[in-house]
């Protein structure tokens, strides 16, 4: 059937201590991982997204869901922040979160492959997960795709995970503008249609570029993520001073034109230290009883 609504999520990083997780996760060895308070907040947002925001912005109409890469965290960058480095545990966690989503969209579910350091070379871990979730396959039988062209209402949309990053928020829109412009250039060379909407992820930050076209407007945007701030982020210029952006995006065909809409939650900053107390352990060690 023709689709007039699409919900886009990305970068769940299931299996990471900072990624999306339910309150409790049973691991392969029989033990249980308990989500942190920040993960519980993010899980509450996840439930609000599907229980309130999605039905409201789609007006109760049918919709499809695109998971635009990095469903699992994998074993990467010598990191030791995984809940479990057993990929089976990570896939089970992702399935637990995503099966209700697949049911809610009545199987209109697509998966795009993310970064190889997270999902395995050629997206092999996401391919297995996508098949288990019964994602809609491409013409070659791949359940997780490298990219995808999808018609949503009258809009031709292109989905891929990767896009260049920047250490300065002043240049966040540059890569998106270049991506759209290069699409226009390549399409002109080969007399192909230019996508009306270009969707990228990977950055864990949302921003949108909107330009006038013969189809009213062309859109290019990056999606928010579902991962908190990891130790790796504190080494990145720009990343270390920002707070994580959590959320999802909508592409919808309206009565006249197609448009986008985004839901973004911003994680609170760390608490400000306003007072410094005497360290009692230090006093005991130093033998100073008077303070």
C-alpha atoms as a PDB file:
ATOM      1  CA  UNK A   1       0.000   0.000   0.000  1.00  0.00           C
ATOM      2  CA  UNK A   2       1.059   3.596  -0.505  1.00  0.00           C
ATOM      3  CA  UNK A   3       2.837   5.022   2.521  1.00  0.00           C
ATOM      4  CA  UNK A   4       2.198   8.616   3.625  1.00  0.00           C
ATOM      5  CA  UNK A   5       4.028   8.488   6.983  1.00  0.00           C
ATOM      6  CA  UNK A   6       7.537   7.356   7.903  1.00  0.00           C
ATOM      7  CA  UNK A   7       9.152   7.341  11.350  1.00  0.00           C
ATOM      8  CA  UNK A   8      12.947   7.335  11.389  1.00  0.00           C
ATOM      9  CA  UNK A   9      15.063   6.229  14.364  1.00  0.00           C
ATOM     10  CA  UNK A  10      18.758   5.440  14.541  1.00  0.00           C
ATOM     11  CA  UNK A  11      21.790   4.715  16.728  1.00  0.00           C
ATOM     12  CA  UNK A  12      20.183   2.636  19.470  1.00  0.00           C
ATOM     13  CA  UNK A  13      23.553   1.049  20.377  1.00  0.00           C
ATOM     14  CA  UNK A  14      21.848  -1.781  22.227  1.00  0.00           C
ATOM     15  CA  UNK A  15      24.371  -3.590  24.410  1.00  0.00           C
ATOM     16  CA  UNK A  16      26.140  -0.413  25.552  1.00  0.00           C
ATOM     17  CA  UNK A  17      25.874   0.808  29.151  1.00  0.00           C
ATOM     18  CA  UNK A  18      24.993   4.189  27.645  1.00  0.00           C
ATOM     19  CA  UNK A  19      22.649   2.832  24.954  1.00  0.00           C
ATOM     20  CA  UNK A  20      18.921   2.159  24.931  1.00  0.00           C
ATOM     21  CA  UNK A  21      17.878  -0.576  27.359  1.00  0.00           C
ATOM     22  CA  UNK A  22      14.768  -1.724  29.251  1.00  0.00           C
ATOM     23  CA  UNK A  23      14.812  -1.807  33.080  1.00  0.00           C
ATOM     24  CA  UNK A  24      16.300  -5.314  33.230  1.00  0.00           C
ATOM     25  CA  UNK A  25      18.190  -7.441  30.703  1.00  0.00           C
ATOM     26  CA  UNK A  26      18.842 -11.166  31.165  1.00  0.00           C
ATOM     27  CA  UNK A  27      22.267 -12.097  29.775  1.00  0.00           C
ATOM     28  CA  UNK A  28      23.509 -15.331  28.213  1.00  0.00           C
ATOM     29  CA  UNK A  29      25.174 -16.468  31.462  1.00  0.00           C
ATOM     30  CA  UNK A  30      21.917 -16.154  33.379  1.00  0.00           C
ATOM     31  CA  UNK A  31      22.777 -12.916  35.148  1.00  0.00           C
ATOM     32  CA  UNK A  32      20.735  -9.725  34.938  1.00  0.00           C
ATOM     33  CA  UNK A  33      21.831  -6.228  33.952  1.00  0.00           C
ATOM     34  CA  UNK A  34      19.928  -3.390  35.621  1.00  0.00           C
ATOM     35  CA  UNK A  35      19.595  -0.169  33.625  1.00  0.00           C
ATOM     36  CA  UNK A  36      21.064   3.027  35.058  1.00  0.00           C
ATOM     37  CA  UNK A  37      18.830   5.925  36.102  1.00  0.00           C
ATOM     38  CA  UNK A  38      19.791   7.808  32.908  1.00  0.00           C
ATOM     39  CA  UNK A  39      18.984   4.744  30.809  1.00  0.00           C
ATOM     40  CA  UNK A  40      15.619   4.503  32.574  1.00  0.00           C
ATOM     41  CA  UNK A  41      14.900   8.130  31.630  1.00  0.00           C
ATOM     42  CA  UNK A  42      15.768   7.348  28.024  1.00  0.00           C
ATOM     43  CA  UNK A  43      13.580   4.218  28.119  1.00  0.00           C
ATOM     44  CA  UNK A  44      10.660   6.342  29.399  1.00  0.00           C
ATOM     45  CA  UNK A  45      11.177   8.635  26.374  1.00  0.00           C
ATOM     46  CA  UNK A  46      11.211   5.560  24.117  1.00  0.00           C
ATOM     47  CA  UNK A  47       7.845   4.459  25.507  1.00  0.00           C
ATOM     48  CA  UNK A  48       6.458   8.010  25.186  1.00  0.00           C
ATOM     49  CA  UNK A  49       7.651   8.175  21.582  1.00  0.00           C
ATOM     50  CA  UNK A  50       5.699   5.104  20.454  1.00  0.00           C
ATOM     51  CA  UNK A  51       2.791   5.480  22.842  1.00  0.00           C
ATOM     52  CA  UNK A  52       2.070   9.181  22.355  1.00  0.00           C
ATOM     53  CA  UNK A  53       4.169  11.071  19.784  1.00  0.00           C
ATOM     54  CA  UNK A  54       3.974   8.641  16.861  1.00  0.00           C
ATOM     55  CA  UNK A  55       0.169   8.092  17.009  1.00  0.00           C
ATOM     56  CA  UNK A  56      -0.323  11.854  17.345  1.00  0.00           C
ATOM     57  CA  UNK A  57       1.878  13.014  14.451  1.00  0.00           C
ATOM     58  CA  UNK A  58       0.652  10.255  12.114  1.00  0.00           C
ATOM     59  CA  UNK A  59      -2.981  11.010  13.062  1.00  0.00           C
ATOM     60  CA  UNK A  60      -3.515   7.296  13.613  1.00  0.00           C
ATOM     61  CA  UNK A  61      -2.746   6.509   9.965  1.00  0.00           C
ATOM     62  CA  UNK A  62      -0.537   3.595   8.847  1.00  0.00           C
ATOM     63  CA  UNK A  63       3.186   4.307   8.885  1.00  0.00           C
ATOM     64  CA  UNK A  64       6.493   2.632   8.169  1.00  0.00           C
ATOM     65  CA  UNK A  65       9.582   2.653  10.390  1.00  0.00           C
ATOM     66  CA  UNK A  66      13.165   3.030   9.180  1.00  0.00           C
ATOM     67  CA  UNK A  67      15.975   2.142  11.586  1.00  0.00           C
ATOM     68  CA  UNK A  68      18.831   4.090  10.021  1.00  0.00           C
ATOM     69  CA  UNK A  69      21.814   2.153  11.354  1.00  0.00           C
ATOM     70  CA  UNK A  70      23.671   1.105  14.517  1.00  0.00           C
ATOM     71  CA  UNK A  71      20.981  -0.958  16.190  1.00  0.00           C
ATOM     72  CA  UNK A  72      23.639  -2.719  18.304  1.00  0.00           C
ATOM     73  CA  UNK A  73      26.849  -1.446  19.865  1.00  0.00           C
ATOM     74  CA  UNK A  74      29.159  -4.311  18.891  1.00  0.00           C
ATOM     75  CA  UNK A  75      32.728  -4.594  20.182  1.00  0.00           C
ATOM     76  CA  UNK A  76      34.579  -1.478  19.067  1.00  0.00           C
ATOM     77  CA  UNK A  77      37.448   0.979  19.629  1.00  0.00           C
ATOM     78  CA  UNK A  78      38.845  -1.150  22.504  1.00  0.00           C
ATOM     79  CA  UNK A  79      35.818   0.028  24.514  1.00  0.00           C
ATOM     80  CA  UNK A  80      34.923  -1.650  27.809  1.00  0.00           C
ATOM     81  CA  UNK A  81      31.489  -0.031  28.178  1.00  0.00           C
ATOM     82  CA  UNK A  82      29.387  -2.876  26.799  1.00  0.00           C
ATOM     83  CA  UNK A  83      26.756  -4.579  28.939  1.00  0.00           C
ATOM     84  CA  UNK A  84      27.952  -7.733  27.223  1.00  0.00           C
ATOM     85  CA  UNK A  85      30.426  -8.227  24.402  1.00  0.00           C
ATOM     86  CA  UNK A  86      28.434 -11.275  23.332  1.00  0.00           C
ATOM     87  CA  UNK A  87      26.708 -10.112  20.144  1.00  0.00           C
ATOM     88  CA  UNK A  88      23.892 -12.583  20.768  1.00  0.00           C
ATOM     89  CA  UNK A  89      23.073 -10.721  23.997  1.00  0.00           C
ATOM     90  CA  UNK A  90      23.068  -7.420  22.115  1.00  0.00           C
ATOM     91  CA  UNK A  91      20.781  -8.738  19.364  1.00  0.00           C
ATOM     92  CA  UNK A  92      18.357 -10.179  21.927  1.00  0.00           C
ATOM     93  CA  UNK A  93      18.219  -6.795  23.646  1.00  0.00           C
ATOM     94  CA  UNK A  94      17.545  -5.020  20.356  1.00  0.00           C
ATOM     95  CA  UNK A  95      14.796  -7.523  19.488  1.00  0.00           C
ATOM     96  CA  UNK A  96      13.154  -6.997  22.872  1.00  0.00           C
ATOM     97  CA  UNK A  97      12.911  -3.267  22.167  1.00  0.00           C
ATOM     98  CA  UNK A  98      12.064  -3.424  18.468  1.00  0.00           C
ATOM     99  CA  UNK A  99       9.530  -6.249  18.183  1.00  0.00           C
ATOM    100  CA  UNK A 100       6.709  -4.060  19.611  1.00  0.00           C
ATOM    101  CA  UNK A 101       7.714  -1.355  17.105  1.00  0.00           C
ATOM    102  CA  UNK A 102       7.506  -3.829  14.206  1.00  0.00           C
ATOM    103  CA  UNK A 103       4.090  -4.965  15.446  1.00  0.00           C
ATOM    104  CA  UNK A 104       2.831  -1.375  15.771  1.00  0.00           C
ATOM    105  CA  UNK A 105       3.767  -0.525  12.167  1.00  0.00           C
ATOM    106  CA  UNK A 106       2.268  -3.839  10.984  1.00  0.00           C
ATOM    107  CA  UNK A 107       5.561  -5.112   9.590  1.00  0.00           C
ATOM    108  CA  UNK A 108       6.339  -2.011   7.498  1.00  0.00           C
ATOM    109  CA  UNK A 109       9.859  -2.039   8.904  1.00  0.00           C
ATOM    110  CA  UNK A 110      13.154  -1.303   7.142  1.00  0.00           C
ATOM    111  CA  UNK A 111      16.730  -1.518   8.426  1.00  0.00           C
ATOM    112  CA  UNK A 112      19.756   0.366   7.099  1.00  0.00           C
ATOM    113  CA  UNK A 113      23.263  -0.842   7.888  1.00  0.00           C
ATOM    114  CA  UNK A 114      25.343   1.318  10.221  1.00  0.00           C
ATOM    115  CA  UNK A 115      29.042   1.582  11.038  1.00  0.00           C
ATOM    116  CA  UNK A 116      31.069  -1.604  10.609  1.00  0.00           C
ATOM    117  CA  UNK A 117      32.823  -1.084  13.967  1.00  0.00           C
ATOM    118  CA  UNK A 118      29.425  -1.434  15.641  1.00  0.00           C
ATOM    119  CA  UNK A 119      27.537  -3.831  13.385  1.00  0.00           C
ATOM    120  CA  UNK A 120      30.303  -5.955  11.878  1.00  0.00           C
ATOM    121  CA  UNK A 121      31.833  -5.888   8.422  1.00  0.00           C
ATOM    122  CA  UNK A 122      29.197  -5.597   5.699  1.00  0.00           C
ATOM    123  CA  UNK A 123      26.634  -5.094   8.458  1.00  0.00           C
ATOM    124  CA  UNK A 124      26.615  -8.818   9.231  1.00  0.00           C
ATOM    125  CA  UNK A 125      25.233  -8.438  12.770  1.00  0.00           C
ATOM    126  CA  UNK A 126      22.462  -6.092  11.627  1.00  0.00           C
ATOM    127  CA  UNK A 127      21.623  -8.415   8.716  1.00  0.00           C
ATOM    128  CA  UNK A 128      20.974 -11.231  11.206  1.00  0.00           C
ATOM    129  CA  UNK A 129      18.942  -8.946  13.456  1.00  0.00           C
ATOM    130  CA  UNK A 130      16.944  -7.559  10.526  1.00  0.00           C
ATOM    131  CA  UNK A 131      16.026 -11.075   9.376  1.00  0.00           C
ATOM    132  CA  UNK A 132      14.925 -11.998  12.907  1.00  0.00           C
ATOM    133  CA  UNK A 133      12.742  -8.872  12.980  1.00  0.00           C
ATOM    134  CA  UNK A 134      11.328  -9.745   9.529  1.00  0.00           C
ATOM    135  CA  UNK A 135      12.423  -6.405   8.056  1.00  0.00           C
ATOM    136  CA  UNK A 136      11.297  -5.881   4.465  1.00  0.00           C
ATOM    137  CA  UNK A 137      14.111  -7.118   2.185  1.00  0.00           C
ATOM    138  CA  UNK A 138      15.544  -5.465  -0.921  1.00  0.00           C
ATOM    139  CA  UNK A 139      15.491  -6.927  -4.425  1.00  0.00           C
ATOM    140  CA  UNK A 140      18.540  -9.066  -3.615  1.00  0.00           C
ATOM    141  CA  UNK A 141      17.061 -10.535  -0.450  1.00  0.00           C
ATOM    142  CA  UNK A 142      19.089  -8.388   1.981  1.00  0.00           C
ATOM    143  CA  UNK A 143      17.113  -7.632   5.132  1.00  0.00           C
ATOM    144  CA  UNK A 144      19.485  -4.812   6.140  1.00  0.00           C
ATOM    145  CA  UNK A 145      20.341  -2.419   3.320  1.00  0.00           C
ATOM    146  CA  UNK A 146      23.346  -0.194   2.679  1.00  0.00           C
ATOM    147  CA  UNK A 147      20.988   2.559   1.529  1.00  0.00           C
ATOM    148  CA  UNK A 148      17.415   2.894   0.317  1.00  0.00           C
ATOM    149  CA  UNK A 149      15.247   5.024  -1.960  1.00  0.00           C
ATOM    150  CA  UNK A 150      11.679   5.128  -0.653  1.00  0.00           C
ATOM    151  CA  UNK A 151       8.610   6.975  -1.904  1.00  0.00           C
ATOM    152  CA  UNK A 152       6.663   8.565   0.960  1.00  0.00           C
ATOM    153  CA  UNK A 153       3.573  10.230  -0.454  1.00  0.00           C
ATOM    154  CA  UNK A 154       4.870  12.376  -3.328  1.00  0.00           C
ATOM    155  CA  UNK A 155       8.387  12.633  -1.849  1.00  0.00           C
ATOM    156  CA  UNK A 156      11.339  10.580  -3.071  1.00  0.00           C
ATOM    157  CA  UNK A 157      13.494   9.948   0.013  1.00  0.00           C
ATOM    158  CA  UNK A 158      17.016   8.574   0.329  1.00  0.00           C
ATOM    159  CA  UNK A 159      18.277   6.898   3.503  1.00  0.00           C
ATOM    160  CA  UNK A 160      21.869   6.061   4.445  1.00  0.00           C
ATOM    161  CA  UNK A 161      23.629   5.957   7.785  1.00  0.00           C
ATOM    162  CA  UNK A 162      26.932   7.719   7.221  1.00  0.00           C
ATOM    163  CA  UNK A 163      27.736  11.392   6.810  1.00  0.00           C
ATOM    164  CA  UNK A 164      30.790  13.473   7.640  1.00  0.00           C
ATOM    165  CA  UNK A 165      31.110  14.919  11.124  1.00  0.00           C
ATOM    166  CA  UNK A 166      32.541  18.201  12.375  1.00  0.00           C
ATOM    167  CA  UNK A 167      34.049  19.431  15.606  1.00  0.00           C
ATOM    168  CA  UNK A 168      32.217  22.752  15.335  1.00  0.00           C
ATOM    169  CA  UNK A 169      28.477  23.281  15.676  1.00  0.00           C
ATOM    170  CA  UNK A 170      28.866  26.251  13.314  1.00  0.00           C
ATOM    171  CA  UNK A 171      29.474  23.819  10.453  1.00  0.00           C
ATOM    172  CA  UNK A 172      26.872  21.144  11.261  1.00  0.00           C
ATOM    173  CA  UNK A 173      24.746  22.152   8.279  1.00  0.00           C
ATOM    174  CA  UNK A 174      27.656  22.171   5.805  1.00  0.00           C
ATOM    175  CA  UNK A 175      27.837  18.420   5.267  1.00  0.00           C
ATOM    176  CA  UNK A 176      24.076  18.188   4.783  1.00  0.00           C
ATOM    177  CA  UNK A 177      24.005  21.026   2.245  1.00  0.00           C
ATOM    178  CA  UNK A 178      26.868  19.366   0.344  1.00  0.00           C
ATOM    179  CA  UNK A 179      25.096  15.996   0.396  1.00  0.00           C
ATOM    180  CA  UNK A 180      21.947  17.482  -1.150  1.00  0.00           C
ATOM    181  CA  UNK A 181      23.907  19.562  -3.694  1.00  0.00           C
ATOM    182  CA  UNK A 182      25.989  16.579  -4.792  1.00  0.00           C
ATOM    183  CA  UNK A 183      22.805  14.559  -5.270  1.00  0.00           C
ATOM    184  CA  UNK A 184      21.515  17.328  -7.547  1.00  0.00           C
ATOM    185  CA  UNK A 185      24.767  17.324  -9.525  1.00  0.00           C
ATOM    186  CA  UNK A 186      24.956  13.553  -9.965  1.00  0.00           C
ATOM    187  CA  UNK A 187      21.259  13.298 -10.881  1.00  0.00           C
ATOM    188  CA  UNK A 188      21.698  15.970 -13.551  1.00  0.00           C
ATOM    189  CA  UNK A 189      24.644  14.089 -15.097  1.00  0.00           C
ATOM    190  CA  UNK A 190      22.634  10.890 -15.504  1.00  0.00           C
ATOM    191  CA  UNK A 191      19.132  12.398 -15.887  1.00  0.00           C
ATOM    192  CA  UNK A 192      17.879  10.788 -12.692  1.00  0.00           C
ATOM    193  CA  UNK A 193      15.315  12.184 -10.227  1.00  0.00           C
ATOM    194  CA  UNK A 194      16.705  14.194  -7.323  1.00  0.00           C
ATOM    195  CA  UNK A 195      15.557  12.994  -3.874  1.00  0.00           C
ATOM    196  CA  UNK A 196      13.187  15.369  -2.142  1.00  0.00           C
ATOM    197  CA  UNK A 197      14.383  14.268   1.302  1.00  0.00           C
ATOM    198  CA  UNK A 198      17.899  13.102   2.231  1.00  0.00           C
ATOM    199  CA  UNK A 199      18.213  11.371   5.623  1.00  0.00           C
ATOM    200  CA  UNK A 200      21.479  10.648   7.420  1.00  0.00           C
ATOM    201  CA  UNK A 201      22.429   9.574  10.961  1.00  0.00           C
ATOM    202  CA  UNK A 202      25.800   8.641  12.568  1.00  0.00           C
ATOM    203  CA  UNK A 203      26.387  12.042  14.244  1.00  0.00           C
ATOM    204  CA  UNK A 204      23.913  11.468  17.115  1.00  0.00           C
ATOM    205  CA  UNK A 205      22.731  15.061  16.596  1.00  0.00           C
ATOM    206  CA  UNK A 206      19.728  16.448  14.753  1.00  0.00           C
ATOM    207  CA  UNK A 207      19.880  19.327  12.317  1.00  0.00           C
ATOM    208  CA  UNK A 208      17.883  20.072   9.150  1.00  0.00           C
ATOM    209  CA  UNK A 209      18.592  21.995   5.958  1.00  0.00           C
ATOM    210  CA  UNK A 210      15.620  23.158   3.864  1.00  0.00           C
ATOM    211  CA  UNK A 211      16.013  24.575   0.345  1.00  0.00           C
ATOM    212  CA  UNK A 212      13.401  25.722  -2.223  1.00  0.00           C
ATOM    213  CA  UNK A 213      12.918  23.401  -5.216  1.00  0.00           C
ATOM    214  CA  UNK A 214      10.387  22.811  -7.974  1.00  0.00           C
ATOM    215  CA  UNK A 215       8.647  20.448  -5.519  1.00  0.00           C
ATOM    216  CA  UNK A 216       8.213  23.312  -3.033  1.00  0.00           C
ATOM    217  CA  UNK A 217      11.149  22.318  -0.798  1.00  0.00           C
ATOM    218  CA  UNK A 218      13.985  19.851  -0.507  1.00  0.00           C
ATOM    219  CA  UNK A 219      14.986  18.584   2.928  1.00  0.00           C
ATOM    220  CA  UNK A 220      18.181  17.105   4.304  1.00  0.00           C
ATOM    221  CA  UNK A 221      18.472  16.174   7.955  1.00  0.00           C
ATOM    222  CA  UNK A 222      20.404  14.074  10.427  1.00  0.00           C
ATOM    223  CA  UNK A 223      18.604  12.072  13.089  1.00  0.00           C
ATOM    224  CA  UNK A 224      18.939  12.136  16.854  1.00  0.00           C
ATOM    225  CA  UNK A 225      20.263   9.027  18.597  1.00  0.00           C
ATOM    226  CA  UNK A 226      19.342   6.740  21.500  1.00  0.00           C
ATOM    227  CA  UNK A 227      22.694   6.726  23.260  1.00  0.00           C
ATOM    228  CA  UNK A 228      23.965   8.795  26.161  1.00  0.00           C
ATOM    229  CA  UNK A 229      27.382  10.436  26.311  1.00  0.00           C
ATOM    230  CA  UNK A 230      30.116   7.778  26.235  1.00  0.00           C
ATOM    231  CA  UNK A 231      33.738   8.232  27.390  1.00  0.00           C
ATOM    232  CA  UNK A 232      34.717   8.393  23.696  1.00  0.00           C
ATOM    233  CA  UNK A 233      32.583  11.524  23.154  1.00  0.00           C
ATOM    234  CA  UNK A 234      34.567  13.482  25.750  1.00  0.00           C
ATOM    235  CA  UNK A 235      37.589  13.281  23.430  1.00  0.00           C
ATOM    236  CA  UNK A 236      35.758  14.896  20.497  1.00  0.00           C
ATOM    237  CA  UNK A 237      35.763  18.682  19.932  1.00  0.00           C
ATOM    238  CA  UNK A 238      32.189  19.933  20.109  1.00  0.00           C
ATOM    239  CA  UNK A 239      30.947  16.622  21.465  1.00  0.00           C
ATOM    240  CA  UNK A 240      32.463  17.091  24.882  1.00  0.00           C
ATOM    241  CA  UNK A 241      30.640  20.400  25.482  1.00  0.00           C
ATOM    242  CA  UNK A 242      27.208  19.305  24.223  1.00  0.00           C
ATOM    243  CA  UNK A 243      24.551  17.116  25.799  1.00  0.00           C
ATOM    244  CA  UNK A 244      23.116  14.055  23.985  1.00  0.00           C
ATOM    245  CA  UNK A 245      20.109  14.495  21.701  1.00  0.00           C
ATOM    246  CA  UNK A 246      17.546  11.689  21.887  1.00  0.00           C
ATOM    247  CA  UNK A 247      14.572  11.349  19.558  1.00  0.00           C
ATOM    248  CA  UNK A 248      13.045  10.493  16.201  1.00  0.00           C
ATOM    249  CA  UNK A 249      11.921  12.084  12.923  1.00  0.00           C
ATOM    250  CA  UNK A 250       8.795  12.038  10.781  1.00  0.00           C
ATOM    251  CA  UNK A 251       8.329  12.418   7.030  1.00  0.00           C
ATOM    252  CA  UNK A 252       4.643  12.922   6.203  1.00  0.00           C
ATOM    253  CA  UNK A 253       2.547  13.629   3.143  1.00  0.00           C
ATOM    254  CA  UNK A 254       0.107  16.400   4.012  1.00  0.00           C
ATOM    255  CA  UNK A 255      -3.002  17.509   2.167  1.00  0.00           C
ATOM    256  CA  UNK A 256      -0.927  19.599  -0.249  1.00  0.00           C
ATOM    257  CA  UNK A 257       2.797  19.013   0.310  1.00  0.00           C
ATOM    258  CA  UNK A 258       5.100  16.651   2.173  1.00  0.00           C
ATOM    259  CA  UNK A 259       6.913  17.900   5.276  1.00  0.00           C
ATOM    260  CA  UNK A 260       9.133  16.790   8.147  1.00  0.00           C
ATOM    261  CA  UNK A 261       8.764  16.951  11.894  1.00  0.00           C
ATOM    262  CA  UNK A 262      11.171  15.988  14.658  1.00  0.00           C
ATOM    263  CA  UNK A 263      11.006  15.037  18.327  1.00  0.00           C
ATOM    264  CA  UNK A 264      14.188  15.781  20.273  1.00  0.00           C
ATOM    265  CA  UNK A 265      14.822  15.337  23.979  1.00  0.00           C
ATOM    266  CA  UNK A 266      17.915  16.983  25.420  1.00  0.00           C
ATOM    267  CA  UNK A 267      19.709  15.252  28.295  1.00  0.00           C
ATOM    268  CA  UNK A 268      20.432  17.455  31.309  1.00  0.00           C
ATOM    269  CA  UNK A 269      23.907  18.770  31.985  1.00  0.00           C
ATOM    270  CA  UNK A 270      25.956  17.406  34.870  1.00  0.00           C
ATOM    271  CA  UNK A 271      25.162  19.082  38.191  1.00  0.00           C
ATOM    272  CA  UNK A 272      27.080  22.250  39.015  1.00  0.00           C
ATOM    273  CA  UNK A 273      29.336  22.061  42.083  1.00  0.00           C
ATOM    274  CA  UNK A 274      28.559  25.069  44.299  1.00  0.00           C
ATOM    275  CA  UNK A 275      30.082  23.965  47.625  1.00  0.00           C
ATOM    276  CA  UNK A 276      33.109  21.890  48.591  1.00  0.00           C
ATOM    277  CA  UNK A 277      32.868  19.929  51.813  1.00  0.00           C
ATOM    278  CA  UNK A 278      35.760  18.808  53.986  1.00  0.00           C
ATOM    279  CA  UNK A 279      36.884  15.346  52.948  1.00  0.00           C
ATOM    280  CA  UNK A 280      36.484  13.292  56.141  1.00  0.00           C
ATOM    281  CA  UNK A 281      38.558  10.425  54.782  1.00  0.00           C
ATOM    282  CA  UNK A 282      41.416  12.830  54.174  1.00  0.00           C
ATOM    283  CA  UNK A 283      41.127  14.183  57.736  1.00  0.00           C
ATOM    284  CA  UNK A 284      41.233  10.690  59.162  1.00  0.00           C
ATOM    285  CA  UNK A 285      44.269   9.780  57.097  1.00  0.00           C
ATOM    286  CA  UNK A 286      46.131  12.996  57.958  1.00  0.00           C
ATOM    287  CA  UNK A 287      45.378  12.683  61.673  1.00  0.00           C
ATOM    288  CA  UNK A 288      43.983  16.220  61.857  1.00  0.00           C
ATOM    289  CA  UNK A 289      41.036  15.903  64.257  1.00  0.00           C
ATOM    290  CA  UNK A 290      40.210  19.619  64.245  1.00  0.00           C
ATOM    291  CA  UNK A 291      39.521  19.951  60.535  1.00  0.00           C
END
